[in-house]
Amino acid sequence: MSVKASVTKSSRPERIRHPEVDSFDLATIMRALGDPVRIEMVREVDAEGEMICTDLYDRLGLPRSTASYHLRQLREAGVTRSRAAGTNRIVSLRREDLESRFPGLVDVILRDGA
């Protein structure tokens, strides 16, 4: 799915901030992954490739505010990437970025029972 934001004089495209790969911190990533809800979110997103946030919330049976908080923790740690698509937010796993910085980490995270 490809979405291009149109820019007019009266509006600016929303900027969703993500940490640069070089600034990834293993302790921060592990803290973000220290919650079973967030691990399940990562597994769901990885299985789908990318998901609309509200679909993820519904699938896990989470209130919007709770799920949004958890997704923000994952995004700010560098685990996921979010992008705007109209009124939706699409979330994906930053698998390649994580693998380049911490080889093998994603496989450990996604392993059943991890």
C-alpha atoms as a PDB file:
ATOM      1  CA  MET A   1       0.000   0.000   0.000  1.00  0.00           C
ATOM      2  CA  SER A   2       1.533   3.310  -1.031  1.00  0.00           C
ATOM      3  CA  VAL A   3       0.231   6.612   0.223  1.00  0.00           C
ATOM      4  CA  LYS A   4       1.546  10.045  -0.708  1.00  0.00           C
ATOM      5  CA  ALA A   5       0.716  13.032   1.453  1.00  0.00           C
ATOM      6  CA  SER A   6      -0.341  16.143  -0.365  1.00  0.00           C
ATOM      7  CA  VAL A   7       1.021  19.381   1.003  1.00  0.00           C
ATOM      8  CA  THR A   8      -0.813  22.666   0.775  1.00  0.00           C
ATOM      9  CA  LYS A   9       0.064  26.091   2.143  1.00  0.00           C
ATOM     10  CA  SER A  10      -2.373  25.632   5.036  1.00  0.00           C
ATOM     11  CA  SER A  11      -1.255  22.163   6.092  1.00  0.00           C
ATOM     12  CA  ARG A  12       1.928  20.220   6.640  1.00  0.00           C
ATOM     13  CA  PRO A  13       2.294  16.461   6.515  1.00  0.00           C
ATOM     14  CA  GLU A  14       2.462  14.783   9.896  1.00  0.00           C
ATOM     15  CA  ARG A  15       5.956  13.775  10.911  1.00  0.00           C
ATOM     16  CA  ILE A  16       6.221  10.601  12.965  1.00  0.00           C
ATOM     17  CA  ARG A  17       9.617  10.473  14.631  1.00  0.00           C
ATOM     18  CA  HIS A  18      11.736   7.322  14.654  1.00  0.00           C
ATOM     19  CA  PRO A  19      15.211   6.845  16.111  1.00  0.00           C
ATOM     20  CA  GLU A  20      18.122   6.416  13.735  1.00  0.00           C
ATOM     21  CA  VAL A  21      19.635   2.933  13.611  1.00  0.00           C
ATOM     22  CA  ASP A  22      22.950   4.222  14.984  1.00  0.00           C
ATOM     23  CA  SER A  23      21.164   5.463  18.098  1.00  0.00           C
ATOM     24  CA  PHE A  24      19.470   2.134  18.907  1.00  0.00           C
ATOM     25  CA  ASP A  25      20.202   1.186  22.499  1.00  0.00           C
ATOM     26  CA  LEU A  26      19.876  -2.456  23.509  1.00  0.00           C
ATOM     27  CA  ALA A  27      18.746  -1.630  27.057  1.00  0.00           C
ATOM     28  CA  THR A  28      15.988   0.650  25.712  1.00  0.00           C
ATOM     29  CA  ILE A  29      14.850  -1.992  23.230  1.00  0.00           C
ATOM     30  CA  MET A  30      14.783  -4.678  25.922  1.00  0.00           C
ATOM     31  CA  ARG A  31      12.783  -2.408  28.254  1.00  0.00           C
ATOM     32  CA  ALA A  32      10.266  -1.820  25.463  1.00  0.00           C
ATOM     33  CA  LEU A  33      10.037  -5.574  24.888  1.00  0.00           C
ATOM     34  CA  GLY A  34       9.747  -6.312  28.603  1.00  0.00           C
ATOM     35  CA  ASP A  35       5.958  -6.288  28.484  1.00  0.00           C
ATOM     36  CA  PRO A  36       4.084  -9.370  27.204  1.00  0.00           C
ATOM     37  CA  VAL A  37       1.558  -7.155  25.394  1.00  0.00           C
ATOM     38  CA  ARG A  38       4.320  -5.491  23.408  1.00  0.00           C
ATOM     39  CA  ILE A  39       5.926  -8.837  22.549  1.00  0.00           C
ATOM     40  CA  GLU A  40       2.559 -10.020  21.229  1.00  0.00           C
ATOM     41  CA  MET A  41       2.193  -6.814  19.221  1.00  0.00           C
ATOM     42  CA  VAL A  42       5.603  -7.388  17.636  1.00  0.00           C
ATOM     43  CA  ARG A  43       4.694 -10.988  16.784  1.00  0.00           C
ATOM     44  CA  GLU A  44       1.384  -9.964  15.206  1.00  0.00           C
ATOM     45  CA  VAL A  45       2.945  -7.188  13.147  1.00  0.00           C
ATOM     46  CA  ASP A  46       5.773  -9.435  12.006  1.00  0.00           C
ATOM     47  CA  ALA A  47       3.323 -12.140  10.933  1.00  0.00           C
ATOM     48  CA  GLU A  48       1.373  -9.640   8.793  1.00  0.00           C
ATOM     49  CA  GLY A  49       4.297  -7.586   7.497  1.00  0.00           C
ATOM     50  CA  GLU A  50       2.469  -4.385   8.354  1.00  0.00           C
ATOM     51  CA  MET A  51      -0.851  -3.630   9.997  1.00  0.00           C
ATOM     52  CA  ILE A  52      -3.284  -0.798  10.455  1.00  0.00           C
ATOM     53  CA  CYS A  53      -3.024   0.114  14.126  1.00  0.00           C
ATOM     54  CA  THR A  54      -6.743  -0.240  14.805  1.00  0.00           C
ATOM     55  CA  ASP A  55      -6.699  -3.766  13.324  1.00  0.00           C
ATOM     56  CA  LEU A  56      -3.904  -4.640  15.723  1.00  0.00           C
ATOM     57  CA  TYR A  57      -5.810  -3.148  18.672  1.00  0.00           C
ATOM     58  CA  ASP A  58      -8.908  -5.153  17.735  1.00  0.00           C
ATOM     59  CA  ARG A  59      -6.993  -8.387  17.213  1.00  0.00           C
ATOM     60  CA  LEU A  60      -5.431  -8.127  20.675  1.00  0.00           C
ATOM     61  CA  GLY A  61      -8.618  -6.830  22.316  1.00  0.00           C
ATOM     62  CA  LEU A  62      -6.937  -3.693  23.638  1.00  0.00           C
ATOM     63  CA  PRO A  63      -8.444  -0.270  24.280  1.00  0.00           C
ATOM     64  CA  ARG A  64      -7.127   2.345  21.858  1.00  0.00           C
ATOM     65  CA  SER A  65      -5.347   4.364  24.562  1.00  0.00           C
ATOM     66  CA  THR A  66      -3.557   1.309  25.970  1.00  0.00           C
ATOM     67  CA  ALA A  67      -2.514  -0.014  22.566  1.00  0.00           C
ATOM     68  CA  SER A  68      -1.380   3.432  21.439  1.00  0.00           C
ATOM     69  CA  TYR A  69       0.821   3.732  24.523  1.00  0.00           C
ATOM     70  CA  HIS A  70       2.421   0.338  23.878  1.00  0.00           C
ATOM     71  CA  LEU A  71       3.005   1.109  20.192  1.00  0.00           C
ATOM     72  CA  ARG A  72       4.633   4.410  21.100  1.00  0.00           C
ATOM     73  CA  GLN A  73       7.031   2.586  23.439  1.00  0.00           C
ATOM     74  CA  LEU A  74       7.983   0.194  20.629  1.00  0.00           C
ATOM     75  CA  ARG A  75       8.371   3.002  18.060  1.00  0.00           C
ATOM     76  CA  GLU A  76      10.478   5.215  20.322  1.00  0.00           C
ATOM     77  CA  ALA A  77      12.779   2.267  21.102  1.00  0.00           C
ATOM     78  CA  GLY A  78      13.230   1.614  17.376  1.00  0.00           C
ATOM     79  CA  VAL A  79      11.425  -1.721  17.265  1.00  0.00           C
ATOM     80  CA  THR A  80       8.582  -0.615  15.000  1.00  0.00           C
ATOM     81  CA  ARG A  81       7.954   2.004  12.350  1.00  0.00           C
ATOM     82  CA  SER A  82       4.659   3.876  11.986  1.00  0.00           C
ATOM     83  CA  ARG A  83       3.495   5.799   8.966  1.00  0.00           C
ATOM     84  CA  ALA A  84       0.415   7.808   8.199  1.00  0.00           C
ATOM     85  CA  ALA A  85      -1.953   6.551   5.510  1.00  0.00           C
ATOM     86  CA  GLY A  86      -4.865   8.971   5.409  1.00  0.00           C
ATOM     87  CA  THR A  87      -6.543   8.749   8.803  1.00  0.00           C
ATOM     88  CA  ASN A  88      -4.904   5.394   9.523  1.00  0.00           C
ATOM     89  CA  ARG A  89      -1.513   4.612  10.987  1.00  0.00           C
ATOM     90  CA  ILE A  90       0.355   1.646   9.568  1.00  0.00           C
ATOM     91  CA  VAL A  91       2.837  -0.144  11.808  1.00  0.00           C
ATOM     92  CA  SER A  92       5.658  -2.457  10.725  1.00  0.00           C
ATOM     93  CA  LEU A  93       8.601  -4.176  12.379  1.00  0.00           C
ATOM     94  CA  ARG A  94      12.007  -2.594  11.752  1.00  0.00           C
ATOM     95  CA  ARG A  95      13.445  -6.060  11.189  1.00  0.00           C
ATOM     96  CA  GLU A  96      16.313  -5.073   8.883  1.00  0.00           C
ATOM     97  CA  ASP A  97      17.337  -2.110  11.055  1.00  0.00           C
ATOM     98  CA  LEU A  98      17.321  -4.226  14.216  1.00  0.00           C
ATOM     99  CA  GLU A  99      19.181  -7.055  12.510  1.00  0.00           C
ATOM    100  CA  SER A 100      21.878  -4.687  11.224  1.00  0.00           C
ATOM    101  CA  ARG A 101      22.470  -3.267  14.714  1.00  0.00           C
ATOM    102  CA  PHE A 102      21.888  -6.400  16.829  1.00  0.00           C
ATOM    103  CA  PRO A 103      22.237  -9.547  14.697  1.00  0.00           C
ATOM    104  CA  GLY A 104      19.962 -12.377  15.863  1.00  0.00           C
ATOM    105  CA  LEU A 105      17.869 -10.214  18.204  1.00  0.00           C
ATOM    106  CA  VAL A 106      14.681 -10.375  16.134  1.00  0.00           C
ATOM    107  CA  ASP A 107      14.775 -14.174  16.025  1.00  0.00           C
ATOM    108  CA  VAL A 108      15.136 -14.294  19.810  1.00  0.00           C
ATOM    109  CA  ILE A 109      12.259 -11.825  20.269  1.00  0.00           C
ATOM    110  CA  LEU A 110       9.931 -13.757  17.974  1.00  0.00           C
ATOM    111  CA  ARG A 111      10.766 -17.202  19.318  1.00  0.00           C
ATOM    112  CA  ASP A 112       7.775 -18.809  21.041  1.00  0.00           C
ATOM    113  CA  GLY A 113       8.081 -18.538  24.789  1.00  0.00           C
ATOM    114  CA  ALA A 114      10.738 -15.832  24.634  1.00  0.00           C
END
